[in-house]
Amino acid sequence: TFSLILSATTLGYADDSKHTAIFVVGQSSYIQ
């Protein structure tokens, strides 16, 4: 039962120890 506030957006691609994620308002899915 957690969630978090986000007030910003930017995507980049780094090494395998780091990830990228996109969350869109109103959607119950995200992209990692």
Full PDB file with SEQRES, HELIX, SHEET, SSBOND, CRYST1, ORIGX, SCALE, CONECT and MASTER records, all heavy atoms in Angstrom:
SEQRES   1 A   32  THR PHE SER LEU ILE LEU SER ALA THR THR LEU GLY TYR          
SEQRES   2 A   32  ALA ASP ASP SER LYS HIS THR ALA ILE PHE VAL VAL GLY          
SEQRES   3 A   32  GLN SER SER TYR ILE GLN                                      
SHEET    1 AA1 2 ILE A  22  PHE A  23  0                                        
SHEET    2 AA1 2 TYR A  30  ILE A  31 -1                                        
CRYST1    1.000    1.000    1.000  90.00  90.00  90.00 P 1           1          
ORIGX1      1.000000  0.000000  0.000000        0.00000                         
ORIGX2      0.000000  1.000000  0.000000        0.00000                         
ORIGX3      0.000000  0.000000  1.000000        0.00000                         
SCALE1      1.000000  0.000000  0.000000        0.00000                         
SCALE2      0.000000  1.000000  0.000000        0.00000                         
SCALE3      0.000000  0.000000  1.000000        0.00000                         
ATOM      1  N   THR A   1       0.787  -1.231   0.000  1.00  0.00           N  
ATOM      2  CA  THR A   1       0.000   0.000   0.000  1.00  0.00           C  
ATOM      3  C   THR A   1       0.818   1.280   0.000  1.00  0.00           C  
ATOM      4  O   THR A   1       0.748   2.044   0.947  1.00  0.00           O  
ATOM      5  CB  THR A   1      -0.992   0.060   1.179  1.00  0.00           C  
ATOM      6  OG1 THR A   1      -0.317   0.264   2.375  1.00  0.00           O  
ATOM      7  CG2 THR A   1      -1.878  -1.153   1.237  1.00  0.00           C  
ATOM      8  N   PHE A   2       1.549   1.481  -1.008  1.00  0.00           N  
ATOM      9  CA  PHE A   2       2.291   2.730  -1.121  1.00  0.00           C  
ATOM     10  C   PHE A   2       2.072   3.391  -2.480  1.00  0.00           C  
ATOM     11  O   PHE A   2       1.805   2.743  -3.448  1.00  0.00           O  
ATOM     12  CB  PHE A   2       3.797   2.481  -0.990  1.00  0.00           C  
ATOM     13  CG  PHE A   2       4.228   2.184   0.381  1.00  0.00           C  
ATOM     14  CD1 PHE A   2       4.791   0.978   0.687  1.00  0.00           C  
ATOM     15  CD2 PHE A   2       4.070   3.119   1.376  1.00  0.00           C  
ATOM     16  CE1 PHE A   2       5.193   0.717   1.946  1.00  0.00           C  
ATOM     17  CE2 PHE A   2       4.492   2.842   2.642  1.00  0.00           C  
ATOM     18  CZ  PHE A   2       5.051   1.642   2.935  1.00  0.00           C  
ATOM     19  N   SER A   3       2.324   4.654  -2.524  1.00  0.00           N  
ATOM     20  CA  SER A   3       2.373   5.400  -3.773  1.00  0.00           C  
ATOM     21  C   SER A   3       3.178   6.647  -3.524  1.00  0.00           C  
ATOM     22  O   SER A   3       3.459   6.953  -2.404  1.00  0.00           O  
ATOM     23  CB  SER A   3       0.983   5.785  -4.243  1.00  0.00           C  
ATOM     24  OG  SER A   3       0.179   4.656  -4.421  1.00  0.00           O  
ATOM     25  N   LEU A   4       3.540   7.374  -4.607  1.00  0.00           N  
ATOM     26  CA  LEU A   4       4.261   8.587  -4.364  1.00  0.00           C  
ATOM     27  C   LEU A   4       3.997   9.691  -5.338  1.00  0.00           C  
ATOM     28  O   LEU A   4       3.592   9.457  -6.441  1.00  0.00           O  
ATOM     29  CB  LEU A   4       5.756   8.423  -4.351  1.00  0.00           C  
ATOM     30  CG  LEU A   4       6.573   7.488  -5.046  1.00  0.00           C  
ATOM     31  CD1 LEU A   4       7.693   8.275  -5.694  1.00  0.00           C  
ATOM     32  CD2 LEU A   4       7.121   6.577  -4.054  1.00  0.00           C  
ATOM     33  N   ILE A   5       4.235  10.900  -4.773  1.00  0.00           N  
ATOM     34  CA  ILE A   5       3.975  12.093  -5.556  1.00  0.00           C  
ATOM     35  C   ILE A   5       5.149  12.350  -6.471  1.00  0.00           C  
ATOM     36  O   ILE A   5       6.240  12.299  -6.042  1.00  0.00           O  
ATOM     37  CB  ILE A   5       3.839  13.318  -4.649  1.00  0.00           C  
ATOM     38  CG1 ILE A   5       2.750  13.120  -3.644  1.00  0.00           C  
ATOM     39  CG2 ILE A   5       3.601  14.539  -5.462  1.00  0.00           C  
ATOM     40  CD1 ILE A   5       2.682  14.241  -2.668  1.00  0.00           C  
ATOM     41  N   LEU A   6       4.796  12.702  -7.656  1.00  0.00           N  
ATOM     42  CA  LEU A   6       5.840  13.021  -8.615  1.00  0.00           C  
ATOM     43  C   LEU A   6       5.559  14.367  -9.220  1.00  0.00           C  
ATOM     44  O   LEU A   6       4.471  14.610  -9.647  1.00  0.00           O  
ATOM     45  CB  LEU A   6       5.784  12.011  -9.729  1.00  0.00           C  
ATOM     46  CG  LEU A   6       7.025  11.275  -9.979  1.00  0.00           C  
ATOM     47  CD1 LEU A   6       7.859  10.860  -8.937  1.00  0.00           C  
ATOM     48  CD2 LEU A   6       6.767  10.132 -10.762  1.00  0.00           C  
ATOM     49  N   SER A   7       6.544  15.201  -9.236  1.00  0.00           N  
ATOM     50  CA  SER A   7       6.315  16.499  -9.867  1.00  0.00           C  
ATOM     51  C   SER A   7       7.281  16.756 -10.995  1.00  0.00           C  
ATOM     52  O   SER A   7       7.561  17.890 -11.317  1.00  0.00           O  
ATOM     53  CB  SER A   7       6.431  17.606  -8.825  1.00  0.00           C  
ATOM     54  OG  SER A   7       7.695  17.596  -8.230  1.00  0.00           O  
ATOM     55  N   ALA A   8       7.809  15.699 -11.573  1.00  0.00           N  
ATOM     56  CA  ALA A   8       8.727  15.954 -12.654  1.00  0.00           C  
ATOM     57  C   ALA A   8       8.814  14.784 -13.605  1.00  0.00           C  
ATOM     58  O   ALA A   8       8.395  13.720 -13.281  1.00  0.00           O  
ATOM     59  CB  ALA A   8      10.070  16.264 -12.091  1.00  0.00           C  
ATOM     60  N   THR A   9       9.461  14.873 -14.875  1.00  0.00           N  
ATOM     61  CA  THR A   9       9.553  13.836 -15.896  1.00  0.00           C  
ATOM     62  C   THR A   9      10.786  13.901 -16.747  1.00  0.00           C  
ATOM     63  O   THR A   9      10.924  14.861 -17.406  1.00  0.00           O  
ATOM     64  CB  THR A   9       8.395  13.934 -16.885  1.00  0.00           C  
ATOM     65  OG1 THR A   9       7.250  13.987 -16.178  1.00  0.00           O  
ATOM     66  CG2 THR A   9       8.397  12.851 -17.876  1.00  0.00           C  
ATOM     67  N   THR A  10      11.552  12.869 -16.837  1.00  0.00           N  
ATOM     68  CA  THR A  10      12.663  12.804 -17.784  1.00  0.00           C  
ATOM     69  C   THR A  10      13.155  11.389 -17.865  1.00  0.00           C  
ATOM     70  O   THR A  10      13.215  10.720 -16.892  1.00  0.00           O  
ATOM     71  CB  THR A  10      13.820  13.704 -17.377  1.00  0.00           C  
ATOM     72  OG1 THR A  10      13.328  14.982 -17.128  1.00  0.00           O  
ATOM     73  CG2 THR A  10      14.867  13.790 -18.440  1.00  0.00           C  
ATOM     74  N   LEU A  11      13.503  10.952 -19.001  1.00  0.00           N  
ATOM     75  CA  LEU A  11      13.898   9.586 -19.196  1.00  0.00           C  
ATOM     76  C   LEU A  11      15.283   9.520 -19.765  1.00  0.00           C  
ATOM     77  O   LEU A  11      15.588  10.221 -20.684  1.00  0.00           O  
ATOM     78  CB  LEU A  11      12.949   8.944 -20.190  1.00  0.00           C  
ATOM     79  CG  LEU A  11      12.876   7.467 -20.157  1.00  0.00           C  
ATOM     80  CD1 LEU A  11      12.994   6.753 -21.324  1.00  0.00           C  
ATOM     81  CD2 LEU A  11      12.558   6.881 -18.949  1.00  0.00           C  
ATOM     82  N   GLY A  12      16.110   8.584 -19.267  1.00  0.00           N  
ATOM     83  CA  GLY A  12      17.430   8.409 -19.821  1.00  0.00           C  
ATOM     84  C   GLY A  12      17.804   6.967 -19.729  1.00  0.00           C  
ATOM     85  O   GLY A  12      17.187   6.220 -19.028  1.00  0.00           O  
ATOM     86  N   TYR A  13      18.839   6.572 -20.398  1.00  0.00           N  
ATOM     87  CA  TYR A  13      19.224   5.188 -20.416  1.00  0.00           C  
ATOM     88  C   TYR A  13      20.641   5.051 -19.933  1.00  0.00           C  
ATOM     89  O   TYR A  13      21.558   5.578 -20.525  1.00  0.00           O  
ATOM     90  CB  TYR A  13      19.020   4.626 -21.820  1.00  0.00           C  
ATOM     91  CG  TYR A  13      17.557   4.404 -22.062  1.00  0.00           C  
ATOM     92  CD1 TYR A  13      16.704   5.470 -22.263  1.00  0.00           C  
ATOM     93  CD2 TYR A  13      17.012   3.137 -22.022  1.00  0.00           C  
ATOM     94  CE1 TYR A  13      15.349   5.272 -22.440  1.00  0.00           C  
ATOM     95  CE2 TYR A  13      15.657   2.938 -22.209  1.00  0.00           C  
ATOM     96  CZ  TYR A  13      14.842   4.006 -22.413  1.00  0.00           C  
ATOM     97  OH  TYR A  13      13.494   3.809 -22.599  1.00  0.00           O  
ATOM     98  N   ALA A  14      20.807   4.305 -18.797  1.00  0.00           N  
ATOM     99  CA  ALA A  14      22.121   4.175 -18.196  1.00  0.00           C  
ATOM    100  C   ALA A  14      22.551   2.727 -18.207  1.00  0.00           C  
ATOM    101  O   ALA A  14      22.085   1.943 -19.006  1.00  0.00           O  
ATOM    102  CB  ALA A  14      22.082   4.720 -16.776  1.00  0.00           C  
ATOM    103  N   ASP A  15      23.464   2.336 -17.279  1.00  0.00           N  
ATOM    104  CA  ASP A  15      23.931   0.968 -17.249  1.00  0.00           C  
ATOM    105  C   ASP A  15      22.859   0.084 -16.647  1.00  0.00           C  
ATOM    106  O   ASP A  15      21.815   0.544 -16.202  1.00  0.00           O  
ATOM    107  CB  ASP A  15      25.254   0.861 -16.489  1.00  0.00           C  
ATOM    108  CG  ASP A  15      25.135   1.380 -15.068  1.00  0.00           C  
ATOM    109  OD1 ASP A  15      24.159   0.998 -14.385  1.00  0.00           O  
ATOM    110  OD2 ASP A  15      25.994   2.172 -14.640  1.00  0.00           O  
ATOM    111  N   ASP A  16      23.129  -1.259 -16.567  1.00  0.00           N  
ATOM    112  CA  ASP A  16      22.106  -2.202 -16.140  1.00  0.00           C  
ATOM    113  C   ASP A  16      21.736  -2.064 -14.671  1.00  0.00           C  
ATOM    114  O   ASP A  16      20.748  -2.624 -14.227  1.00  0.00           O  
ATOM    115  CB  ASP A  16      22.572  -3.636 -16.422  1.00  0.00           C  
ATOM    116  CG  ASP A  16      22.579  -3.940 -17.915  1.00  0.00           C  
ATOM    117  OD1 ASP A  16      21.904  -3.208 -18.658  1.00  0.00           O  
ATOM    118  OD2 ASP A  16      23.279  -4.890 -18.322  1.00  0.00           O  
ATOM    119  N   SER A  17      22.551  -1.363 -13.844  1.00  0.00           N  
ATOM    120  CA  SER A  17      22.232  -1.181 -12.439  1.00  0.00           C  
ATOM    121  C   SER A  17      21.231  -0.052 -12.242  1.00  0.00           C  
ATOM    122  O   SER A  17      20.710   0.148 -11.162  1.00  0.00           O  
ATOM    123  CB  SER A  17      23.503  -0.879 -11.636  1.00  0.00           C  
ATOM    124  OG  SER A  17      24.067   0.356 -12.026  1.00  0.00           O  
ATOM    125  N   LYS A  18      20.963   0.704 -13.291  1.00  0.00           N  
ATOM    126  CA  LYS A  18      20.001   1.787 -13.235  1.00  0.00           C  
ATOM    127  C   LYS A  18      18.867   1.509 -14.220  1.00  0.00           C  
ATOM    128  O   LYS A  18      19.020   0.760 -15.168  1.00  0.00           O  
ATOM    129  CB  LYS A  18      20.673   3.125 -13.569  1.00  0.00           C  
ATOM    130  CG  LYS A  18      21.695   3.569 -12.534  1.00  0.00           C  
ATOM    131  CD  LYS A  18      21.030   3.930 -11.205  1.00  0.00           C  
ATOM    132  CE  LYS A  18      22.030   4.494 -10.227  1.00  0.00           C  
ATOM    133  NZ  LYS A  18      21.398   4.876  -8.948  1.00  0.00           N  
ATOM    134  N   HIS A  19      17.739   2.158 -13.983  1.00  0.00           N  
ATOM    135  CA  HIS A  19      16.567   1.907 -14.807  1.00  0.00           C  
ATOM    136  C   HIS A  19      15.910   3.223 -15.202  1.00  0.00           C  
ATOM    137  O   HIS A  19      16.270   4.289 -14.711  1.00  0.00           O  
ATOM    138  CB  HIS A  19      15.568   1.039 -14.040  1.00  0.00           C  
ATOM    139  CG  HIS A  19      16.155  -0.232 -13.525  1.00  0.00           C  
ATOM    140  ND1 HIS A  19      16.271  -1.373 -14.298  1.00  0.00           N  
ATOM    141  CD2 HIS A  19      16.705  -0.540 -12.316  1.00  0.00           C  
ATOM    142  CE1 HIS A  19      16.853  -2.331 -13.593  1.00  0.00           C  
ATOM    143  NE2 HIS A  19      17.118  -1.852 -12.389  1.00  0.00           N  
ATOM    144  N   THR A  20      14.960   3.120 -16.093  1.00  0.00           N  
ATOM    145  CA  THR A  20      14.135   4.265 -16.445  1.00  0.00           C  
ATOM    146  C   THR A  20      12.675   3.870 -16.263  1.00  0.00           C  
ATOM    147  O   THR A  20      12.320   2.696 -16.404  1.00  0.00           O  
ATOM    148  CB  THR A  20      14.361   4.683 -17.907  1.00  0.00           C  
ATOM    149  OG1 THR A  20      13.984   3.609 -18.754  1.00  0.00           O  
ATOM    150  CG2 THR A  20      15.820   5.033 -18.158  1.00  0.00           C  
ATOM    151  N   ALA A  21      11.829   4.844 -15.930  1.00  0.00           N  
ATOM    152  CA  ALA A  21      10.408   4.538 -15.725  1.00  0.00           C  
ATOM    153  C   ALA A  21       9.558   5.722 -16.142  1.00  0.00           C  
ATOM    154  O   ALA A  21       9.953   6.877 -15.969  1.00  0.00           O  
ATOM    155  CB  ALA A  21      10.138   4.194 -14.260  1.00  0.00           C  
ATOM    156  N   ILE A  22       8.393   5.419 -16.696  1.00  0.00           N  
ATOM    157  CA  ILE A  22       7.436   6.447 -17.097  1.00  0.00           C  
ATOM    158  C   ILE A  22       6.080   6.115 -16.467  1.00  0.00           C  
ATOM    159  O   ILE A  22       5.571   5.000 -16.617  1.00  0.00           O  
ATOM    160  CB  ILE A  22       7.278   6.510 -18.624  1.00  0.00           C  
ATOM    161  CG1 ILE A  22       8.626   6.785 -19.295  1.00  0.00           C  
ATOM    162  CG2 ILE A  22       6.265   7.572 -19.020  1.00  0.00           C  
ATOM    163  CD1 ILE A  22       8.583   6.677 -20.808  1.00  0.00           C  
ATOM    164  N   PHE A  23       5.516   7.083 -15.735  1.00  0.00           N  
ATOM    165  CA  PHE A  23       4.187   6.946 -15.149  1.00  0.00           C  
ATOM    166  C   PHE A  23       3.284   8.013 -15.761  1.00  0.00           C  
ATOM    167  O   PHE A  23       3.669   9.184 -15.844  1.00  0.00           O  
ATOM    168  CB  PHE A  23       4.233   7.138 -13.630  1.00  0.00           C  
ATOM    169  CG  PHE A  23       5.037   6.098 -12.898  1.00  0.00           C  
ATOM    170  CD1 PHE A  23       6.405   6.260 -12.715  1.00  0.00           C  
ATOM    171  CD2 PHE A  23       4.431   4.967 -12.388  1.00  0.00           C  
ATOM    172  CE1 PHE A  23       7.150   5.316 -12.040  1.00  0.00           C  
ATOM    173  CE2 PHE A  23       5.172   4.005 -11.704  1.00  0.00           C  
ATOM    174  CZ  PHE A  23       6.533   4.176 -11.530  1.00  0.00           C  
ATOM    175  N   VAL A  24       2.092   7.634 -16.193  1.00  0.00           N  
ATOM    176  CA  VAL A  24       1.166   8.567 -16.829  1.00  0.00           C  
ATOM    177  C   VAL A  24      -0.086   8.717 -15.971  1.00  0.00           C  
ATOM    178  O   VAL A  24      -0.656   7.722 -15.490  1.00  0.00           O  
ATOM    179  CB  VAL A  24       0.780   8.078 -18.247  1.00  0.00           C  
ATOM    180  CG1 VAL A  24      -0.206   9.044 -18.894  1.00  0.00           C  
ATOM    181  CG2 VAL A  24       2.028   7.935 -19.104  1.00  0.00           C  
ATOM    182  N   VAL A  25      -0.514   9.943 -15.769  1.00  0.00           N  
ATOM    183  CA  VAL A  25      -1.687  10.239 -14.942  1.00  0.00           C  
ATOM    184  C   VAL A  25      -2.912   9.480 -15.454  1.00  0.00           C  
ATOM    185  O   VAL A  25      -3.185   9.455 -16.656  1.00  0.00           O  
ATOM    186  CB  VAL A  25      -1.973  11.753 -14.942  1.00  0.00           C  
ATOM    187  CG1 VAL A  25      -3.305  12.054 -14.263  1.00  0.00           C  
ATOM    188  CG2 VAL A  25      -0.847  12.497 -14.249  1.00  0.00           C  
ATOM    189  N   GLY A  26      -3.631   8.827 -14.525  1.00  0.00           N  
ATOM    190  CA  GLY A  26      -4.854   8.112 -14.857  1.00  0.00           C  
ATOM    191  C   GLY A  26      -4.645   6.673 -15.282  1.00  0.00           C  
ATOM    192  O   GLY A  26      -5.622   5.939 -15.462  1.00  0.00           O  
ATOM    193  N   GLN A  27      -3.398   6.257 -15.437  1.00  0.00           N  
ATOM    194  CA  GLN A  27      -3.124   4.892 -15.891  1.00  0.00           C  
ATOM    195  C   GLN A  27      -2.649   3.994 -14.743  1.00  0.00           C  
ATOM    196  O   GLN A  27      -1.869   4.423 -13.899  1.00  0.00           O  
ATOM    197  CB  GLN A  27      -2.082   4.893 -17.004  1.00  0.00           C  
ATOM    198  CG  GLN A  27      -2.559   5.573 -18.264  1.00  0.00           C  
ATOM    199  CD  GLN A  27      -1.645   5.322 -19.448  1.00  0.00           C  
ATOM    200  OE1 GLN A  27      -0.699   4.544 -19.379  1.00  0.00           O  
ATOM    201  NE2 GLN A  27      -1.926   5.984 -20.548  1.00  0.00           N  
ATOM    202  N   SER A  28      -3.118   2.753 -14.739  1.00  0.00           N  
ATOM    203  CA  SER A  28      -2.692   1.771 -13.736  1.00  0.00           C  
ATOM    204  C   SER A  28      -1.636   0.850 -14.325  1.00  0.00           C  
ATOM    205  O   SER A  28      -1.622  -0.351 -14.072  1.00  0.00           O  
ATOM    206  CB  SER A  28      -3.891   0.966 -13.222  1.00  0.00           C  
ATOM    207  OG  SER A  28      -4.563   0.340 -14.304  1.00  0.00           O  
ATOM    208  N   SER A  29      -0.774   1.430 -15.120  1.00  0.00           N  
ATOM    209  CA  SER A  29       0.384   0.720 -15.661  1.00  0.00           C  
ATOM    210  C   SER A  29       1.504   1.731 -15.806  1.00  0.00           C  
ATOM    211  O   SER A  29       1.273   2.941 -15.771  1.00  0.00           O  
ATOM    212  CB  SER A  29       0.072   0.079 -17.021  1.00  0.00           C  
ATOM    213  OG  SER A  29      -0.238   1.074 -17.978  1.00  0.00           O  
ATOM    214  N   TYR A  30       2.725   1.231 -15.959  1.00  0.00           N  
ATOM    215  CA  TYR A  30       3.872   2.108 -16.164  1.00  0.00           C  
ATOM    216  C   TYR A  30       4.868   1.394 -17.062  1.00  0.00           C  
ATOM    217  O   TYR A  30       4.745   0.188 -17.334  1.00  0.00           O  
ATOM    218  CB  TYR A  30       4.526   2.490 -14.830  1.00  0.00           C  
ATOM    219  CG  TYR A  30       5.220   1.359 -14.095  1.00  0.00           C  
ATOM    220  CD1 TYR A  30       6.602   1.195 -14.143  1.00  0.00           C  
ATOM    221  CD2 TYR A  30       4.488   0.447 -13.330  1.00  0.00           C  
ATOM    222  CE1 TYR A  30       7.229   0.166 -13.456  1.00  0.00           C  
ATOM    223  CE2 TYR A  30       5.097  -0.583 -12.642  1.00  0.00           C  
ATOM    224  CZ  TYR A  30       6.473  -0.719 -12.700  1.00  0.00           C  
ATOM    225  OH  TYR A  30       7.088  -1.748 -12.024  1.00  0.00           O  
ATOM    226  N   ILE A  31       5.824   2.131 -17.556  1.00  0.00           N  
ATOM    227  CA  ILE A  31       6.847   1.547 -18.410  1.00  0.00           C  
ATOM    228  C   ILE A  31       8.182   1.589 -17.700  1.00  0.00           C  
ATOM    229  O   ILE A  31       8.599   2.640 -17.202  1.00  0.00           O  
ATOM    230  CB  ILE A  31       6.941   2.294 -19.754  1.00  0.00           C  
ATOM    231  CG1 ILE A  31       5.647   2.081 -20.553  1.00  0.00           C  
ATOM    232  CG2 ILE A  31       8.145   1.820 -20.572  1.00  0.00           C  
ATOM    233  CD1 ILE A  31       5.584   2.862 -21.837  1.00  0.00           C  
ATOM    234  N   GLN A  32       8.848   0.441 -17.621  1.00  0.00           N  
ATOM    235  CA  GLN A  32      10.193   0.355 -17.058  1.00  0.00           C  
ATOM    236  C   GLN A  32      11.112  -0.252 -18.101  1.00  0.00           C  
ATOM    237  O   GLN A  32      10.867  -1.341 -18.603  1.00  0.00           O  
ATOM    238  CB  GLN A  32      10.235  -0.512 -15.790  1.00  0.00           C  
ATOM    239  CG  GLN A  32      11.643  -0.605 -15.188  1.00  0.00           C  
ATOM    240  CD  GLN A  32      11.800  -1.782 -14.235  1.00  0.00           C  
ATOM    241  OE1 GLN A  32      11.281  -2.868 -14.501  1.00  0.00           O  
ATOM    242  NE2 GLN A  32      12.508  -1.570 -13.142  1.00  0.00           N  
TER     243      GLN A  32                                                      
MASTER        0    0    0    0    2    0    0    6  242    1    0    3          
END                                                                             
